[in-house]
Amino acid sequence: MSQPLLEVHNVVKRFGGLTAVDHVSFEVMPGRIIGVIGPNGSGKTTLFANVSGFQTPEEGEIRFDGRVITGMRPSVLCELGIARTFQIVQPFAGLSVFDNVVAGALRGGRTTLKEAKLKAAQIIELCGLQPVSTQMAGVLPIAGRKRLEVARALATGPKLLLLDEVMAGLRPTEVDDAIALVRQIRDSGVTVILVEHLMRAVMALSEELLVLQQGKLIARGDPHTVCNQPEVIRAYFGEAKVPEAPTNSQKSTHHA
């Protein structure tokens, strides 16, 4: 049996008197897509920041590929195989789309320019960015910038990719394209954890769902089962009942 790729044990992150992540524990097996949901301010992005090294937890331990990584710098974690995207995308606006991806592939100078360009060309193709590869990144619409953000992260060659709301602000057809891209990424051998408010995408992609509320992990498991648990319904809707998830037959014809 394979070992977990990521292990988070009793992680706590505080900001003054606020506990943003409160003794959260979970494991992620290789080759899976895991969704993380929760109301605004529930600790989702803070959890990502701790896993990816942008913040350091006060308590707990994080292991990646069997190695303790708690408190390691993002650049070190990138070398080990962890990459992330950000809610607010910030491409190198004065560089072309292709050169933005090359910058990701260079990995701090540990890859030759020739190798980085070859890698970038592969990622550009995977992400469907060929038609805009010579355009300046600063002129891309939101869907293009989101896709470029994913491409730059992928260019670092991650084993684990953390996607932070990459579908926010996209039109329905663009969401469908993004869902297909995330599946392609997983099928290429990259494990994915995604924070997303768009439940249509979460339910379509996630093989397992983690639900955070006020920093605590309140539910974990199969997405349809989790979304009908009383504590999850209360977290999102108060005492109101959540609409039932569509059946498989309904899903084939339903588009949110």
Protein backbone atom coordinates (compact mmCIF):
# COMPACT_ATOMS: atom_id res chain seq x y z
CA MET A 1 0.00 0.00 0.00
CA SER A 2 1.35 3.43 -0.93
CA GLN A 3 2.26 5.96 1.74
CA PRO A 4 0.59 9.37 2.09
CA LEU A 5 2.18 12.09 -0.01
CA LEU A 6 1.15 14.79 2.48
CA GLU A 7 0.55 14.40 6.22
CA VAL A 8 -0.77 17.27 8.34
CA HIS A 9 -0.81 16.56 12.08
CA ASN A 10 -2.50 18.88 14.61
CA VAL A 11 -1.45 22.06 12.81
CA VAL A 12 -2.26 25.31 14.61
CA LYS A 13 -1.77 28.81 13.17
CA ARG A 14 -2.64 31.91 15.19
CA PHE A 15 -2.72 35.60 14.34
CA GLY A 16 -2.79 37.42 17.66
CA GLY A 17 -5.92 36.23 19.45
CA LEU A 18 -7.37 34.59 16.32
CA THR A 19 -6.77 30.89 15.74
CA ALA A 20 -6.97 30.66 11.95
CA VAL A 21 -6.11 26.94 11.78
CA ASP A 22 -7.10 24.95 14.86
CA HIS A 23 -5.51 21.51 15.34
CA VAL A 24 -6.14 20.34 11.77
CA SER A 25 -5.04 16.84 10.76
CA PHE A 26 -5.44 14.95 7.48
CA GLU A 27 -3.52 12.87 4.95
CA VAL A 28 -3.43 13.01 1.16
CA MET A 29 -2.63 9.92 -0.86
CA PRO A 30 -0.74 10.24 -4.17
CA GLY A 31 -2.72 10.70 -7.37
CA ARG A 32 -5.87 12.14 -5.84
CA ILE A 33 -7.84 15.37 -6.12
CA ILE A 34 -8.83 16.70 -2.71
CA GLY A 35 -11.25 19.59 -2.26
CA VAL A 36 -11.11 22.03 0.67
CA ILE A 37 -14.24 24.07 1.33
CA GLY A 38 -15.62 26.26 4.06
CA PRO A 39 -17.21 29.68 4.64
CA ASN A 40 -15.15 32.84 4.18
CA GLY A 41 -12.57 33.15 6.93
CA SER A 42 -12.62 29.45 7.77
CA GLY A 43 -8.85 29.03 7.36
CA LYS A 44 -8.55 27.49 3.90
CA THR A 45 -5.93 29.83 2.45
CA THR A 46 -4.05 29.93 5.76
CA LEU A 47 -3.84 26.14 5.67
CA PHE A 48 -2.40 26.35 2.13
CA ALA A 49 0.11 28.96 3.29
CA ASN A 50 1.34 26.67 6.06
CA VAL A 51 1.67 23.64 3.80
CA SER A 52 3.52 25.64 1.13
CA GLY A 53 5.91 27.38 3.54
CA PHE A 54 4.59 30.93 3.25
CA GLN A 55 3.60 30.73 6.91
CA THR A 56 4.87 28.59 9.79
CA PRO A 57 2.47 26.93 12.24
CA GLU A 58 2.84 27.49 15.98
CA GLU A 59 2.01 23.86 16.66
CA GLY A 60 1.84 20.60 14.77
CA GLU A 61 3.85 18.86 12.08
CA ILE A 62 3.67 18.68 8.30
CA ARG A 63 5.28 15.83 6.35
CA PHE A 64 5.73 15.60 2.60
CA ASP A 65 6.87 12.40 0.92
CA GLY A 66 7.84 11.05 4.36
CA ARG A 67 9.96 14.09 5.29
CA VAL A 68 9.18 16.68 7.96
CA ILE A 69 8.80 20.04 6.16
CA THR A 70 7.30 22.20 8.92
CA GLY A 71 8.66 25.74 8.63
CA MET A 72 10.72 25.16 5.49
CA ARG A 73 10.95 28.08 3.04
CA PRO A 74 8.75 28.06 -0.09
CA SER A 75 11.83 27.85 -2.35
CA VAL A 76 12.97 24.68 -0.58
CA LEU A 77 9.50 23.16 -0.75
CA CYS A 78 9.34 23.98 -4.45
CA GLU A 79 12.51 21.96 -4.95
CA LEU A 80 10.95 19.07 -3.00
CA GLY A 81 7.86 19.17 -5.23
CA ILE A 82 5.19 21.47 -3.75
CA ALA A 83 3.74 24.29 -5.86
CA ARG A 84 0.78 26.58 -5.31
CA THR A 85 -1.29 29.21 -7.04
CA PHE A 86 -2.67 32.37 -5.43
CA GLN A 87 -6.16 33.87 -5.30
CA ILE A 88 -4.84 37.15 -6.71
CA VAL A 89 -2.86 36.26 -9.80
CA GLN A 90 0.27 38.32 -10.42
CA PRO A 91 2.01 37.33 -13.65
CA PHE A 92 5.13 39.11 -14.86
CA ALA A 93 3.02 41.57 -16.84
CA GLY A 94 5.90 42.79 -19.04
CA LEU A 95 6.89 39.29 -20.15
CA SER A 96 5.17 37.07 -22.69
CA VAL A 97 3.03 34.17 -21.57
CA PHE A 98 5.76 31.79 -22.74
CA ASP A 99 8.49 33.62 -20.82
CA ASN A 100 6.34 33.61 -17.67
CA VAL A 101 6.21 29.83 -17.84
CA VAL A 102 9.94 29.64 -18.62
CA ALA A 103 10.56 31.64 -15.42
CA GLY A 104 8.70 28.97 -13.45
CA ALA A 105 10.61 26.19 -15.17
CA LEU A 106 14.00 27.74 -14.37
CA ARG A 107 13.45 26.95 -10.67
CA GLY A 108 15.94 29.41 -9.27
CA GLY A 109 18.66 28.68 -11.81
CA ARG A 110 18.79 24.93 -11.22
CA THR A 111 17.62 24.22 -14.78
CA THR A 112 19.31 25.36 -17.99
CA LEU A 113 17.49 27.85 -20.20
CA LYS A 114 17.18 25.25 -22.96
CA GLU A 115 15.63 22.74 -20.59
CA ALA A 116 13.31 25.39 -19.18
CA LYS A 117 12.09 26.36 -22.66
CA LEU A 118 11.37 22.74 -23.57
CA LYS A 119 9.48 22.27 -20.31
CA ALA A 120 7.57 25.52 -20.82
CA ALA A 121 6.50 24.44 -24.31
CA GLN A 122 5.05 21.20 -22.89
CA ILE A 123 3.18 23.06 -20.13
CA ILE A 124 1.88 25.69 -22.57
CA GLU A 125 0.41 22.88 -24.67
CA LEU A 126 -1.10 21.09 -21.67
CA CYS A 127 -2.73 24.30 -20.44
CA GLY A 128 -4.06 25.32 -23.85
CA LEU A 129 -2.08 28.56 -23.92
CA GLN A 130 -0.50 28.16 -27.38
CA PRO A 131 -2.76 30.77 -29.05
CA VAL A 132 -1.62 33.45 -26.59
CA SER A 133 1.92 32.26 -25.87
CA THR A 134 3.55 35.32 -27.50
CA GLN A 135 1.18 37.86 -25.91
CA MET A 136 2.22 39.97 -22.94
CA ALA A 137 0.84 38.42 -19.76
CA GLY A 138 -0.49 41.79 -18.60
CA VAL A 139 -3.12 41.94 -21.37
CA LEU A 140 -4.67 38.52 -20.72
CA PRO A 141 -8.30 38.35 -19.57
CA ILE A 142 -8.99 36.80 -16.17
CA ALA A 143 -9.42 33.26 -17.55
CA GLY A 144 -6.06 33.49 -19.33
CA ARG A 145 -4.32 34.86 -16.23
CA LYS A 146 -5.75 32.06 -14.10
CA ARG A 147 -4.56 29.47 -16.61
CA LEU A 148 -1.14 31.10 -16.73
CA GLU A 149 -0.93 30.99 -12.94
CA VAL A 150 -1.52 27.24 -13.09
CA ALA A 151 1.02 26.85 -15.89
CA ARG A 152 3.76 28.70 -13.99
CA ALA A 153 3.19 26.49 -10.94
CA LEU A 154 3.19 23.33 -13.08
CA ALA A 155 6.44 24.38 -14.74
CA THR A 156 8.27 23.88 -11.44
CA GLY A 157 7.59 20.14 -11.77
CA PRO A 158 5.48 19.57 -8.65
CA LYS A 159 4.34 16.29 -7.13
CA LEU A 160 1.69 18.25 -5.20
CA LEU A 161 -0.17 21.24 -6.64
CA LEU A 162 -2.23 23.52 -4.37
CA LEU A 163 -4.86 25.42 -6.35
CA ASP A 164 -6.37 28.43 -4.54
CA GLU A 165 -9.64 29.49 -6.18
CA VAL A 166 -8.42 29.15 -9.77
CA MET A 167 -12.03 29.18 -11.02
CA ALA A 168 -13.21 32.33 -9.25
CA GLY A 169 -14.55 34.88 -11.73
CA LEU A 170 -14.72 32.49 -14.69
CA ARG A 171 -17.69 32.08 -17.00
CA PRO A 172 -19.47 28.68 -17.03
CA THR A 173 -17.72 27.49 -20.22
CA GLU A 174 -14.37 28.60 -18.78
CA VAL A 175 -15.13 26.66 -15.59
CA ASP A 176 -15.77 23.55 -17.69
CA ASP A 177 -12.39 24.03 -19.37
CA ALA A 178 -10.71 24.51 -16.00
CA ILE A 179 -12.29 21.34 -14.62
CA ALA A 180 -10.97 19.41 -17.62
CA LEU A 181 -7.49 20.92 -17.11
CA VAL A 182 -7.36 19.91 -13.43
CA ARG A 183 -8.25 16.35 -14.42
CA GLN A 184 -5.48 16.36 -17.03
CA ILE A 185 -3.01 17.58 -14.43
CA ARG A 186 -3.96 14.78 -12.06
CA ASP A 187 -3.78 12.25 -14.88
CA SER A 188 -0.25 13.45 -15.64
CA GLY A 189 0.81 12.26 -12.17
CA VAL A 190 0.36 15.40 -10.04
CA THR A 191 -1.64 15.20 -6.82
CA VAL A 192 -4.03 18.17 -6.47
CA ILE A 193 -5.55 19.94 -3.47
CA LEU A 194 -7.98 22.68 -4.41
CA VAL A 195 -9.65 25.42 -2.41
CA GLU A 196 -12.73 26.51 -4.27
CA HIS A 197 -16.03 28.27 -3.52
CA LEU A 198 -17.62 27.10 -6.76
CA MET A 199 -19.41 23.97 -5.59
CA ARG A 200 -20.11 22.71 -9.12
CA ALA A 201 -16.37 22.43 -9.69
CA VAL A 202 -15.68 21.02 -6.24
CA MET A 203 -18.27 18.28 -6.62
CA ALA A 204 -17.16 17.45 -10.16
CA LEU A 205 -13.47 17.11 -9.25
CA SER A 206 -13.04 16.08 -5.63
CA GLU A 207 -12.50 12.46 -4.68
CA GLU A 208 -12.42 13.54 -1.05
CA LEU A 209 -13.66 16.71 0.61
CA LEU A 210 -12.31 18.53 3.68
CA VAL A 211 -14.60 21.09 5.34
CA LEU A 212 -13.19 23.86 7.54
CA GLN A 213 -15.14 26.14 9.86
CA GLN A 214 -13.50 28.71 12.13
CA GLY A 215 -10.17 26.96 11.62
CA LYS A 216 -11.41 23.50 12.58
CA LEU A 217 -11.78 20.50 10.30
CA ILE A 218 -15.45 19.65 10.85
CA ALA A 219 -15.96 17.00 8.16
CA ARG A 220 -13.99 14.82 5.77
CA GLY A 221 -14.93 12.14 3.26
CA ASP A 222 -16.93 11.47 0.11
CA PRO A 223 -18.18 14.83 -1.26
CA HIS A 224 -21.88 13.95 -1.51
CA THR A 225 -21.92 12.37 1.94
CA VAL A 226 -20.00 15.25 3.51
CA CYS A 227 -22.24 17.93 1.98
CA ASN A 228 -25.30 16.36 3.60
CA GLN A 229 -23.83 16.16 7.11
CA PRO A 230 -25.74 18.40 9.56
CA GLU A 231 -22.64 20.26 10.77
CA VAL A 232 -21.66 21.13 7.19
CA ILE A 233 -25.18 22.31 6.38
CA ARG A 234 -25.18 24.51 9.49
CA ALA A 235 -21.74 25.94 8.61
CA TYR A 236 -23.00 27.10 5.20
CA PHE A 237 -26.74 27.60 5.61
CA GLY A 238 -27.49 27.92 9.32
CA GLU A 239 -30.41 25.63 10.07
CA ALA A 240 -31.72 25.61 6.50
CA LYS A 241 -31.51 22.34 4.63
CA VAL A 242 -28.97 22.14 1.82
CA PRO A 243 -30.43 21.21 -1.59
CA GLU A 244 -29.91 17.54 -2.36
CA ALA A 245 -27.02 16.71 -4.68
CA PRO A 246 -28.12 15.61 -8.16
CA THR A 247 -28.14 11.92 -8.96
CA ASN A 248 -25.76 10.50 -11.56
CA SER A 249 -28.52 10.57 -14.18
CA GLN A 250 -29.33 14.17 -13.35
CA LYS A 251 -25.67 15.18 -13.44
CA SER A 252 -25.37 14.07 -17.05
CA THR A 253 -27.83 16.76 -18.12
CA HIS A 254 -27.40 19.38 -15.39
CA HIS A 255 -25.15 22.39 -15.76
CA ALA A 256 -24.94 24.83 -12.82
